[in-house]
PDB file of N, CA and C in Angstrom:
ATOM      1  N   MET A   1    -182.102-176.091  61.506  1.00  0.00           N
ATOM      2  CA  MET A   1    -180.716-175.539  61.458  1.00  0.00           C
ATOM      3  C   MET A   1    -180.342-176.430  62.884  1.00  0.00           C
ATOM      4  N   GLU A   2    -180.782-176.228  63.889  1.00  0.00           N
ATOM      5  CA  GLU A   2    -180.142-177.129  65.111  1.00  0.00           C
ATOM      6  C   GLU A   2    -179.887-178.645  65.124  1.00  0.00           C
ATOM      7  N   GLN A   3    -180.750-179.203  64.262  1.00  0.00           N
ATOM      8  CA  GLN A   3    -180.342-180.754  63.828  1.00  0.00           C
ATOM      9  C   GLN A   3    -178.993-180.875  62.987  1.00  0.00           C
ATOM     10  N   PHE A   4    -179.172-179.773  61.763  1.00  0.00           N
ATOM     11  CA  PHE A   4    -177.682-179.777  61.108  1.00  0.00           C
ATOM     12  C   PHE A   4    -176.213-179.390  62.119  1.00  0.00           C
ATOM     13  N   LEU A   5    -176.675-178.260  62.933  1.00  0.00           N
ATOM     14  CA  LEU A   5    -175.595-178.337  63.719  1.00  0.00           C
ATOM     15  C   LEU A   5    -175.042-178.972  64.370  1.00  0.00           C
ATOM     16  N   ASN A   6    -175.973-179.905  65.135  1.00  0.00           N
ATOM     17  CA  ASN A   6    -175.639-181.198  66.003  1.00  0.00           C
ATOM     18  C   ASN A   6    -175.014-182.144  64.850  1.00  0.00           C
ATOM     19  N   TYR A   7    -175.358-182.499  64.039  1.00  0.00           N
ATOM     20  CA  TYR A   7    -175.101-183.732  62.911  1.00  0.00           C
ATOM     21  C   TYR A   7    -173.815-183.204  62.640  1.00  0.00           C
ATOM     22  N   TYR A   8    -173.002-182.049  62.186  1.00  0.00           N
ATOM     23  CA  TYR A   8    -171.765-181.774  62.042  1.00  0.00           C
ATOM     24  C   TYR A   8    -171.123-181.370  62.966  1.00  0.00           C
ATOM     25  N   SER A   9    -171.376-181.193  64.107  1.00  0.00           N
ATOM     26  CA  SER A   9    -170.707-181.121  65.552  1.00  0.00           C
ATOM     27  C   SER A   9    -170.279-179.576  65.685  1.00  0.00           C
ATOM     28  N   PHE A  10    -171.303-178.693  65.215  1.00  0.00           N
ATOM     29  CA  PHE A  10    -170.929-177.339  65.122  1.00  0.00           C
ATOM     30  C   PHE A  10    -171.399-176.735  66.857  1.00  0.00           C
ATOM     31  N   SER A  11    -170.639-175.630  66.842  1.00  0.00           N
ATOM     32  CA  SER A  11    -170.951-175.127  68.642  1.00  0.00           C
ATOM     33  C   SER A  11    -172.369-174.613  68.143  1.00  0.00           C
ATOM     34  N   ASP A  12    -172.539-173.917  69.165  1.00  0.00           N
ATOM     35  CA  ASP A  12    -174.016-173.090  69.168  1.00  0.00           C
ATOM     36  C   ASP A  12    -173.705-171.917  68.531  1.00  0.00           C
ATOM     37  N   PHE A  13    -174.540-170.779  68.104  1.00  0.00           N
ATOM     38  CA  PHE A  13    -174.069-169.667  67.574  1.00  0.00           C
ATOM     39  C   PHE A  13    -173.665-168.806  68.672  1.00  0.00           C
ATOM     40  N   ILE A  14    -172.780-168.203  67.939  1.00  0.00           N
ATOM     41  CA  ILE A  14    -172.093-166.814  69.125  1.00  0.00           C
ATOM     42  C   ILE A  14    -172.159-165.379  68.520  1.00  0.00           C
ATOM     43  N   LYS A  15    -171.990-164.549  69.248  1.00  0.00           N
ATOM     44  CA  LYS A  15    -171.840-163.202  68.715  1.00  0.00           C
ATOM     45  C   LYS A  15    -170.098-163.318  68.338  1.00  0.00           C
ATOM     46  N   ASP A  16    -169.834-163.093  67.500  1.00  0.00           N
ATOM     47  CA  ASP A  16    -168.349-162.615  67.202  1.00  0.00           C
ATOM     48  C   ASP A  16    -168.074-161.077  67.787  1.00  0.00           C
ATOM     49  N   GLU A  17    -166.797-161.535  68.983  1.00  0.00           N
ATOM     50  CA  GLU A  17    -166.575-160.307  69.490  1.00  0.00           C
ATOM     51  C   GLU A  17    -165.978-159.142  68.768  1.00  0.00           C
ATOM     52  N   SER A  18    -164.993-159.786  68.083  1.00  0.00           N
ATOM     53  CA  SER A  18    -163.873-159.120  67.115  1.00  0.00           C
ATOM     54  C   SER A  18    -164.689-158.185  66.118  1.00  0.00           C
ATOM     55  N   SER A  19    -165.802-158.308  65.481  1.00  0.00           N
ATOM     56  CA  SER A  19    -166.670-157.589  64.678  1.00  0.00           C
ATOM     57  C   SER A  19    -166.223-157.710  63.181  1.00  0.00           C
ATOM     58  N   PHE A  20    -165.321-159.326  63.148  1.00  0.00           N
ATOM     59  CA  PHE A  20    -165.042-159.450  61.620  1.00  0.00           C
ATOM     60  C   PHE A  20    -165.613-160.074  61.218  1.00  0.00           C
ATOM     61  N   PHE A  21    -166.819-160.871  61.854  1.00  0.00           N
ATOM     62  CA  PHE A  21    -167.871-161.730  61.500  1.00  0.00           C
ATOM     63  C   PHE A  21    -169.142-160.871  62.358  1.00  0.00           C
ATOM     64  N   ASP A  22    -170.388-161.284  61.932  1.00  0.00           N
ATOM     65  CA  ASP A  22    -171.696-161.148  62.778  1.00  0.00           C
ATOM     66  C   ASP A  22    -172.054-162.142  63.891  1.00  0.00           C
ATOM     67  N   THR A  23    -172.850-163.174  63.749  1.00  0.00           N
ATOM     68  CA  THR A  23    -172.802-164.292  64.386  1.00  0.00           C
ATOM     69  C   THR A  23    -172.413-165.745  63.638  1.00  0.00           C
ATOM     70  N   ILE A  24    -171.878-166.496  64.641  1.00  0.00           N
ATOM     71  CA  ILE A  24    -170.981-167.279  64.012  1.00  0.00           C
ATOM     72  C   ILE A  24    -171.298-168.619  64.869  1.00  0.00           C
ATOM     73  N   ALA A  25    -171.052-169.807  64.190  1.00  0.00           N
ATOM     74  CA  ALA A  25    -171.156-171.369  64.827  1.00  0.00           C
ATOM     75  C   ALA A  25    -169.862-171.731  64.298  1.00  0.00           C
ATOM     76  N   TYR A  26    -169.089-172.763  65.086  1.00  0.00           N
ATOM     77  CA  TYR A  26    -167.838-173.413  64.289  1.00  0.00           C
ATOM     78  C   TYR A  26    -167.928-175.028  64.368  1.00  0.00           C
ATOM     79  N   SER A  27    -166.720-175.703  63.566  1.00  0.00           N
ATOM     80  CA  SER A  27    -166.655-176.983  63.713  1.00  0.00           C
ATOM     81  C   SER A  27    -165.289-177.003  63.745  1.00  0.00           C
ATOM     82  N   TRP A  28    -164.415-178.030  64.362  1.00  0.00           N
ATOM     83  CA  TRP A  28    -163.236-177.920  64.552  1.00  0.00           C
ATOM     84  C   TRP A  28    -162.769-179.164  63.386  1.00  0.00           C
ATOM     85  N   ILE A  29    -161.955-178.891  62.489  1.00  0.00           N
ATOM     86  CA  ILE A  29    -161.448-179.715  61.185  1.00  0.00           C
ATOM     87  C   ILE A  29    -160.111-180.697  62.009  1.00  0.00           C
ATOM     88  N   LYS A  30    -159.054-180.012  61.822  1.00  0.00           N
ATOM     89  CA  LYS A  30    -158.091-180.414  62.864  1.00  0.00           C
ATOM     90  C   LYS A  30    -156.906-179.072  63.059  1.00  0.00           C
ATOM     91  N   GLU A  31    -156.000-179.924  64.222  1.00  0.00           N
ATOM     92  CA  GLU A  31    -155.230-178.719  64.419  1.00  0.00           C
ATOM     93  C   GLU A  31    -155.783-177.486  64.647  1.00  0.00           C
ATOM     94  N   ASP A  32    -155.475-176.368  63.936  1.00  0.00           N
ATOM     95  CA  ASP A  32    -155.964-174.841  63.960  1.00  0.00           C
ATOM     96  C   ASP A  32    -156.972-174.615  62.830  1.00  0.00           C
ATOM     97  N   LEU A  33    -157.694-175.571  62.019  1.00  0.00           N
ATOM     98  CA  LEU A  33    -158.524-175.357  61.085  1.00  0.00           C
ATOM     99  C   LEU A  33    -160.126-175.637  61.396  1.00  0.00           C
ATOM    100  N   TYR A  34    -160.633-174.739  60.777  1.00  0.00           N
ATOM    101  CA  TYR A  34    -162.041-174.966  61.628  1.00  0.00           C
ATOM    102  C   TYR A  34    -163.185-174.375  60.062  1.00  0.00           C
ATOM    103  N   ILE A  35    -164.367-175.266  60.138  1.00  0.00           N
ATOM    104  CA  ILE A  35    -165.498-174.679  59.428  1.00  0.00           C
ATOM    105  C   ILE A  35    -166.272-173.519  60.307  1.00  0.00           C
ATOM    106  N   ILE A  36    -166.198-172.496  59.669  1.00  0.00           N
ATOM    107  CA  ILE A  36    -167.072-171.441  60.579  1.00  0.00           C
ATOM    108  C   ILE A  36    -168.604-170.992  59.584  1.00  0.00           C
ATOM    109  N   LEU A  37    -169.789-170.997  60.412  1.00  0.00           N
ATOM    110  CA  LEU A  37    -170.450-170.917  59.791  1.00  0.00           C
ATOM    111  C   LEU A  37    -171.286-169.563  60.438  1.00  0.00           C
ATOM    112  N   GLU A  38    -171.384-168.670  59.555  1.00  0.00           N
ATOM    113  CA  GLU A  38    -171.784-167.467  59.635  1.00  0.00           C
ATOM    114  C   GLU A  38    -173.240-166.986  58.993  1.00  0.00           C
ATOM    115  N   LYS A  39    -173.987-166.438  60.229  1.00  0.00           N
ATOM    116  CA  LYS A  39    -175.204-165.688  59.845  1.00  0.00           C
ATOM    117  C   LYS A  39    -175.196-164.307  59.892  1.00  0.00           C
ATOM    118  N   LYS A  40    -175.516-163.658  58.701  1.00  0.00           N
ATOM    119  CA  LYS A  40    -175.362-162.166  58.488  1.00  0.00           C
ATOM    120  C   LYS A  40    -176.748-161.639  57.987  1.00  0.00           C
ATOM    121  N   GLU A  41    -177.365-161.246  58.830  1.00  0.00           N
ATOM    122  CA  GLU A  41    -178.784-161.067  58.399  1.00  0.00           C
ATOM    123  C   GLU A  41    -179.739-162.076  58.176  1.00  0.00           C
ATOM    124  N   ASP A  42    -180.170-162.616  57.309  1.00  0.00           N
ATOM    125  CA  ASP A  42    -181.293-163.869  56.842  1.00  0.00           C
ATOM    126  C   ASP A  42    -179.909-164.590  55.903  1.00  0.00           C
ATOM    127  N   ASN A  43    -179.044-164.755  55.886  1.00  0.00           N
ATOM    128  CA  ASN A  43    -178.247-165.559  55.005  1.00  0.00           C
ATOM    129  C   ASN A  43    -177.099-166.315  56.032  1.00  0.00           C
ATOM    130  N   TYR A  44    -176.519-167.517  55.257  1.00  0.00           N
ATOM    131  CA  TYR A  44    -175.548-167.979  56.074  1.00  0.00           C
ATOM    132  C   TYR A  44    -174.260-167.999  55.028  1.00  0.00           C
ATOM    133  N   HIS A  45    -173.432-168.300  55.499  1.00  0.00           N
ATOM    134  CA  HIS A  45    -171.923-168.073  54.532  1.00  0.00           C
ATOM    135  C   HIS A  45    -170.943-169.220  55.442  1.00  0.00           C
ATOM    136  N   VAL A  46    -170.515-170.115  54.641  1.00  0.00           N
ATOM    137  CA  VAL A  46    -169.486-171.162  55.510  1.00  0.00           C
ATOM    138  C   VAL A  46    -168.123-170.592  54.879  1.00  0.00           C
ATOM    139  N   HIS A  47    -167.139-170.556  56.072  1.00  0.00           N
ATOM    140  CA  HIS A  47    -166.106-170.252  55.455  1.00  0.00           C
ATOM    141  C   HIS A  47    -164.965-171.448  56.108  1.00  0.00           C
ATOM    142  N   PHE A  48    -163.654-171.473  55.756  1.00  0.00           N
ATOM    143  CA  PHE A  48    -162.472-172.395  56.082  1.00  0.00           C
ATOM    144  C   PHE A  48    -161.724-171.392  56.638  1.00  0.00           C
ATOM    145  N   ALA A  49    -161.183-171.609  58.046  1.00  0.00           N
ATOM    146  CA  ALA A  49    -160.611-170.723  58.379  1.00  0.00           C
ATOM    147  C   ALA A  49    -159.533-171.357  59.505  1.00  0.00           C
ATOM    148  N   SER A  50    -158.574-170.380  59.887  1.00  0.00           N
ATOM    149  CA  SER A  50    -157.526-170.962  60.589  1.00  0.00           C
ATOM    150  C   SER A  50    -157.030-169.899  61.752  1.00  0.00           C
ATOM    151  N   TYR A  51    -157.607-170.422  63.498  1.00  0.00           N
ATOM    152  CA  TYR A  51    -156.994-169.643  64.211  1.00  0.00           C
ATOM    153  C   TYR A  51    -155.955-170.161  65.408  1.00  0.00           C
ATOM    154  N   PRO A  52    -154.923-169.613  65.869  1.00  0.00           N
ATOM    155  CA  PRO A  52    -154.127-170.313  66.703  1.00  0.00           C
ATOM    156  C   PRO A  52    -154.272-171.398  67.781  1.00  0.00           C
ATOM    157  N   ILE A  53    -155.572-170.983  68.366  1.00  0.00           N
ATOM    158  CA  ILE A  53    -155.938-171.509  69.361  1.00  0.00           C
ATOM    159  C   ILE A  53    -157.794-171.486  69.396  1.00  0.00           C
ATOM    160  N   ARG A  54    -158.636-172.285  70.027  1.00  0.00           N
ATOM    161  CA  ARG A  54    -159.866-172.399  69.866  1.00  0.00           C
ATOM    162  C   ARG A  54    -160.284-171.238  70.485  1.00  0.00           C
ATOM    163  N   GLN A  55    -159.894-171.214  71.780  1.00  0.00           N
ATOM    164  CA  GLN A  55    -160.411-169.477  72.332  1.00  0.00           C
ATOM    165  C   GLN A  55    -160.385-168.381  71.551  1.00  0.00           C
ATOM    166  N   ASP A  56    -159.386-168.149  70.548  1.00  0.00           N
ATOM    167  CA  ASP A  56    -159.751-167.048  69.576  1.00  0.00           C
ATOM    168  C   ASP A  56    -160.793-167.015  68.837  1.00  0.00           C
ATOM    169  N   ILE A  57    -161.508-168.000  68.801  1.00  0.00           N
ATOM    170  CA  ILE A  57    -162.644-168.020  67.651  1.00  0.00           C
ATOM    171  C   ILE A  57    -163.771-167.144  68.706  1.00  0.00           C
ATOM    172  N   GLY A  58    -164.301-165.946  67.801  1.00  0.00           N
ATOM    173  CA  GLY A  58    -165.223-165.231  68.212  1.00  0.00           C
ATOM    174  C   GLY A  58    -164.586-163.951  69.163  1.00  0.00           C
ATOM    175  N   THR A  59    -163.654-164.257  69.242  1.00  0.00           N
ATOM    176  CA  THR A  59    -162.711-163.140  69.976  1.00  0.00           C
ATOM    177  C   THR A  59    -161.806-162.287  69.069  1.00  0.00           C
ATOM    178  N   LYS A  60    -161.036-163.025  68.054  1.00  0.00           N
ATOM    179  CA  LYS A  60    -160.373-162.567  67.505  1.00  0.00           C
ATOM    180  C   LYS A  60    -160.429-162.705  66.129  1.00  0.00           C
ATOM    181  N   LYS A  61    -159.971-162.184  64.514  1.00  0.00           N
ATOM    182  CA  LYS A  61    -159.941-162.174  63.662  1.00  0.00           C
ATOM    183  C   LYS A  61    -159.331-163.629  63.275  1.00  0.00           C
ATOM    184  N   PRO A  62    -159.724-164.010  61.980  1.00  0.00           N
ATOM    185  CA  PRO A  62    -159.005-165.517  62.108  1.00  0.00           C
ATOM    186  C   PRO A  62    -157.552-165.169  61.255  1.00  0.00           C
ATOM    187  N   ASP A  63    -156.596-165.897  61.564  1.00  0.00           N
ATOM    188  CA  ASP A  63    -155.418-165.976  61.037  1.00  0.00           C
ATOM    189  C   ASP A  63    -155.453-165.872  59.362  1.00  0.00           C
ATOM    190  N   ALA A  64    -156.085-167.022  58.771  1.00  0.00           N
ATOM    191  CA  ALA A  64    -156.333-167.123  57.387  1.00  0.00           C
ATOM    192  C   ALA A  64    -158.207-167.614  57.479  1.00  0.00           C
ATOM    193  N   ILE A  65    -158.455-167.104  55.846  1.00  0.00           N
ATOM    194  CA  ILE A  65    -159.997-167.752  56.140  1.00  0.00           C
ATOM    195  C   ILE A  65    -160.098-167.554  54.297  1.00  0.00           C
ATOM    196  N   ASN A  66    -160.979-168.916  53.855  1.00  0.00           N
ATOM    197  CA  ASN A  66    -161.311-168.834  52.682  1.00  0.00           C
ATOM    198  C   ASN A  66    -162.970-169.220  52.795  1.00  0.00           C
ATOM    199  N   THR A  67    -163.523-168.114  51.978  1.00  0.00           N
ATOM    200  CA  THR A  67    -164.826-168.306  51.817  1.00  0.00           C
ATOM    201  C   THR A  67    -165.308-169.814  50.609  1.00  0.00           C
ATOM    202  N   LEU A  68    -166.248-170.612  51.213  1.00  0.00           N
ATOM    203  CA  LEU A  68    -166.187-171.660  50.679  1.00  0.00           C
ATOM    204  C   LEU A  68    -167.913-171.702  49.813  1.00  0.00           C
ATOM    205  N   ILE A  69    -168.743-171.341  50.705  1.00  0.00           N
ATOM    206  CA  ILE A  69    -169.928-171.044  50.234  1.00  0.00           C
ATOM    207  C   ILE A  69    -170.667-169.801  50.634  1.00  0.00           C
ATOM    208  N   GLU A  70    -171.148-169.004  49.656  1.00  0.00           N
ATOM    209  CA  GLU A  70    -171.953-167.812  49.834  1.00  0.00           C
ATOM    210  C   GLU A  70    -173.526-168.351  49.963  1.00  0.00           C
ATOM    211  N   ASN A  71    -174.148-167.576  50.864  1.00  0.00           N
ATOM    212  CA  ASN A  71    -175.887-168.042  50.726  1.00  0.00           C
ATOM    213  C   ASN A  71    -175.824-169.669  51.016  1.00  0.00           C
ATOM    214  N   PHE A  72    -175.402-170.270  51.975  1.00  0.00           N
ATOM    215  CA  PHE A  72    -175.184-171.360  52.134  1.00  0.00           C
ATOM    216  C   PHE A  72    -176.912-171.823  52.144  1.00  0.00           C
ATOM    217  N   LYS A  73    -177.503-173.098  51.632  1.00  0.00           N
ATOM    218  CA  LYS A  73    -178.940-173.273  51.897  1.00  0.00           C
ATOM    219  C   LYS A  73    -178.847-174.552  52.495  1.00  0.00           C
ATOM    220  N   LEU A  74    -179.808-174.792  53.709  1.00  0.00           N
ATOM    221  CA  LEU A  74    -179.674-176.076  54.069  1.00  0.00           C
ATOM    222  C   LEU A  74    -180.050-177.253  53.447  1.00  0.00           C
ATOM    223  N   ASP A  75    -181.050-177.077  52.481  1.00  0.00           N
ATOM    224  CA  ASP A  75    -181.583-178.203  51.641  1.00  0.00           C
ATOM    225  C   ASP A  75    -180.808-178.094  50.419  1.00  0.00           C
ATOM    226  N   ASN A  76    -179.597-177.871  50.280  1.00  0.00           N
ATOM    227  CA  ASN A  76    -178.843-177.805  49.306  1.00  0.00           C
ATOM    228  C   ASN A  76    -177.935-179.106  49.310  1.00  0.00           C
ATOM    229  N   ASN A  77    -178.247-180.217  48.923  1.00  0.00           N
ATOM    230  CA  ASN A  77    -177.100-181.374  49.079  1.00  0.00           C
ATOM    231  C   ASN A  77    -175.508-181.222  48.471  1.00  0.00           C
ATOM    232  N   ASP A  78    -175.398-180.470  47.372  1.00  0.00           N
ATOM    233  CA  ASP A  78    -173.925-180.048  47.187  1.00  0.00           C
ATOM    234  C   ASP A  78    -173.426-179.038  48.087  1.00  0.00           C
ATOM    235  N   HIS A  79    -174.313-178.101  48.967  1.00  0.00           N
ATOM    236  CA  HIS A  79    -173.811-177.331  50.155  1.00  0.00           C
ATOM    237  C   HIS A  79    -173.462-178.288  51.334  1.00  0.00           C
ATOM    238  N   ARG A  80    -173.827-179.160  51.540  1.00  0.00           N
ATOM    239  CA  ARG A  80    -173.718-179.953  52.547  1.00  0.00           C
ATOM    240  C   ARG A  80    -172.506-180.802  52.316  1.00  0.00           C
ATOM    241  N   LYS A  81    -172.338-181.268  50.935  1.00  0.00           N
ATOM    242  CA  LYS A  81    -171.326-181.821  50.593  1.00  0.00           C
ATOM    243  C   LYS A  81    -169.851-181.651  50.837  1.00  0.00           C
ATOM    244  N   VAL A  82    -170.062-180.263  50.581  1.00  0.00           N
ATOM    245  CA  VAL A  82    -168.627-179.517  50.649  1.00  0.00           C
ATOM    246  C   VAL A  82    -168.562-179.237  52.095  1.00  0.00           C
ATOM    247  N   ILE A  83    -169.437-179.487  53.205  1.00  0.00           N
ATOM    248  CA  ILE A  83    -169.027-179.259  54.566  1.00  0.00           C
ATOM    249  C   ILE A  83    -168.455-180.529  54.787  1.00  0.00           C
ATOM    250  N   GLN A  84    -169.083-181.777  54.577  1.00  0.00           N
ATOM    251  CA  GLN A  84    -168.719-183.085  54.623  1.00  0.00           C
ATOM    252  C   GLN A  84    -167.507-183.118  54.113  1.00  0.00           C
ATOM    253  N   GLN A  85    -166.715-182.914  52.931  1.00  0.00           N
ATOM    254  CA  GLN A  85    -165.702-183.093  52.755  1.00  0.00           C
ATOM    255  C   GLN A  85    -164.545-182.223  53.782  1.00  0.00           C
ATOM    256  N   TYR A  86    -164.657-181.076  53.804  1.00  0.00           N
ATOM    257  CA  TYR A  86    -163.781-180.529  54.601  1.00  0.00           C
ATOM    258  C   TYR A  86    -163.634-180.987  56.235  1.00  0.00           C
ATOM    259  N   LEU A  87    -164.909-181.384  56.504  1.00  0.00           N
ATOM    260  CA  LEU A  87    -164.922-181.973  57.952  1.00  0.00           C
ATOM    261  C   LEU A  87    -163.944-183.571  57.781  1.00  0.00           C
ATOM    262  N   ASP A  88    -164.357-184.088  56.883  1.00  0.00           N
ATOM    263  CA  ASP A  88    -163.378-185.492  56.819  1.00  0.00           C
ATOM    264  C   ASP A  88    -162.133-185.199  56.234  1.00  0.00           C
ATOM    265  N   TYR A  89    -161.471-184.177  56.278  1.00  0.00           N
ATOM    266  CA  TYR A  89    -160.212-183.564  55.990  1.00  0.00           C
ATOM    267  C   TYR A  89    -159.407-184.203  57.293  1.00  0.00           C
ATOM    268  N   ASN A  90    -159.917-183.969  58.283  1.00  0.00           N
ATOM    269  CA  ASN A  90    -159.109-184.615  59.281  1.00  0.00           C
ATOM    270  C   ASN A  90    -158.881-186.153  59.419  1.00  0.00           C
TER     271      ASN A  90
END
């Protein structure tokens, strides 16, 4: 997972203090848009989210959110392609 996070420029995992998510890592897309990788128990979920400022991530609920992938699997090429498409959006 660490290699994946580094390759796609995700942050380290942090505890979400807003209690909206459990534990998250994020990668900036552009302006106020981010890809959120949520770890919940033994599962990962990928979300497309909007935060007014980067410092709100992990402390406040997102302004908008769209779940892209439930039960993300690192070895699933289609899952990685979705992430790459959103990161290429910038």
